[in-house]
Structure formats: C-alpha cells, structure tokens
Protein backbone atom coordinates (compact mmCIF):
# COMPACT_ATOMS: atom_id res chain seq x y z
CA MET A 1 0.09 0.04 -0.02
CA LEU A 2 3.00 2.32 0.66
CA ARG A 3 4.24 1.68 -2.86
CA ILE A 4 1.18 2.52 -4.37
CA GLY A 5 0.50 5.65 -2.18
CA GLN A 6 3.95 7.03 -3.24
CA LEU A 7 3.35 6.48 -7.05
CA ILE A 8 -0.12 8.15 -6.75
CA ASP A 9 1.52 11.28 -5.05
CA TYR A 10 4.05 11.45 -7.67
CA SER A 11 1.76 11.08 -10.45
CA GLU A 12 -0.72 13.70 -9.16
CA GLU A 13 2.02 16.53 -9.92
CA LEU A 14 4.79 14.69 -11.82
CA ILE A 15 7.26 16.50 -9.45
CA ALA A 16 9.71 14.23 -7.82
CA PRO A 17 9.52 14.20 -3.92
CA LYS A 18 12.38 15.77 -1.75
CA SER A 19 13.24 12.32 -0.65
CA LEU A 20 11.96 9.20 -2.46
CA TRP A 21 11.35 5.84 -0.92
CA ILE A 22 13.88 3.68 -3.01
CA SER A 23 12.57 0.46 -1.72
CA GLY A 24 9.17 1.18 -2.83
CA LEU A 25 10.12 1.34 -6.50
CA PHE A 26 9.51 -1.75 -8.93
CA ASN A 27 12.92 -0.94 -10.58
CA PRO A 28 15.10 1.18 -8.50
CA MET A 29 18.28 1.10 -10.76
CA SER A 30 16.21 2.84 -13.42
CA PHE A 31 15.67 5.68 -10.95
CA LEU A 32 19.32 5.98 -10.17
CA THR A 33 20.28 5.66 -13.94
CA ALA A 34 17.80 8.55 -14.66
CA ILE A 35 19.78 10.73 -12.19
CA MET A 36 23.03 9.96 -13.92
CA GLN A 37 21.47 10.78 -17.32
CA ALA A 38 19.99 13.96 -15.97
CA THR A 39 23.50 15.21 -14.58
CA ALA A 40 25.12 14.15 -17.66
CA ARG A 41 22.94 16.09 -20.04
CA ARG A 42 22.97 19.04 -17.52
CA ASP A 43 26.55 19.24 -17.36
CA GLN A 44 27.46 17.97 -20.81
CA LEU A 45 29.35 15.07 -19.78
CA PRO A 46 29.52 11.53 -21.27
CA LEU A 47 27.08 9.06 -19.64
CA ASP A 48 29.84 6.46 -19.52
CA ASN A 49 31.82 8.54 -17.05
CA MET A 50 28.91 9.13 -14.47
CA CYS A 51 28.99 6.97 -11.20
CA LEU A 52 26.69 6.92 -8.26
CA LYS A 53 28.09 8.47 -5.32
CA THR A 54 26.48 7.84 -1.78
CA ASP A 55 26.73 10.45 1.12
CA VAL A 56 24.87 9.49 4.46
CA ILE A 57 22.97 12.30 6.22
CA ASN A 58 21.45 12.34 9.56
CA ILE A 59 17.96 12.66 8.78
CA ARG A 60 15.68 10.19 10.25
CA ASP A 61 12.30 11.34 8.84
CA PRO A 62 12.19 11.73 5.20
CA ASN A 63 9.44 14.46 5.78
CA ASP A 64 12.32 16.66 7.38
CA VAL A 65 13.93 17.12 4.27
CA GLN A 66 13.71 20.89 3.51
CA GLU A 67 14.73 21.16 -0.34
CA ILE A 68 15.86 18.91 -3.23
CA PRO A 69 19.62 18.84 -3.43
CA GLU A 70 21.68 20.82 -5.95
CA ASN A 71 23.04 17.54 -7.47
CA GLY A 72 21.59 14.31 -7.31
CA ARG A 73 18.56 13.27 -4.97
CA TYR A 74 17.59 12.22 -1.42
CA ILE A 75 16.34 8.49 -0.99
CA HIS A 76 15.48 6.71 2.12
CA GLY A 77 14.58 3.24 2.70
CA LEU A 78 18.13 1.54 2.07
CA PHE A 79 18.92 -1.43 4.18
CA LEU A 80 22.31 -2.98 4.61
C-alpha cells in the first residue's frame, strides 16, 4: 500500500519528492540511471563517465528534508 501511495503522490503533480522511498520502486536502478542521465545532460558530460556516489546524512524522517539537493536526489529506505 505504501508503494501505491508513493506512485499516486508522484503521478498527481509529476514532481519528484524531496526524498524518494527507493525500496518502493519496482525498478530502483532505473531511477538511479535517470539521475545519472540528467546530470550528464545538464553538465554536458558523457554518460559513460557517470557513477553513483552516496553520502549518508543524519535525517531520520524523510519529511524533515527541506529542499531538493543541487546535485542528485535524496532517497530513503535502504537496508544494509
């Protein structure tokens, strides 16, 4: 039900949330690839040179995220 709720919220305005529940996606790697593609286009860099970088931040509640980062996206729901 949480997955469906996230998709409904996104489809209403088609604006990515400030923090995306990555575990709720059907294919999370496609979202991460889209981030790399958008960055490559914006900075006019080859997609083959893009890689993913993860910074862990100390925000426990995704609703506490104030704004979308300048580069990349905030995600939550990762498990190690």
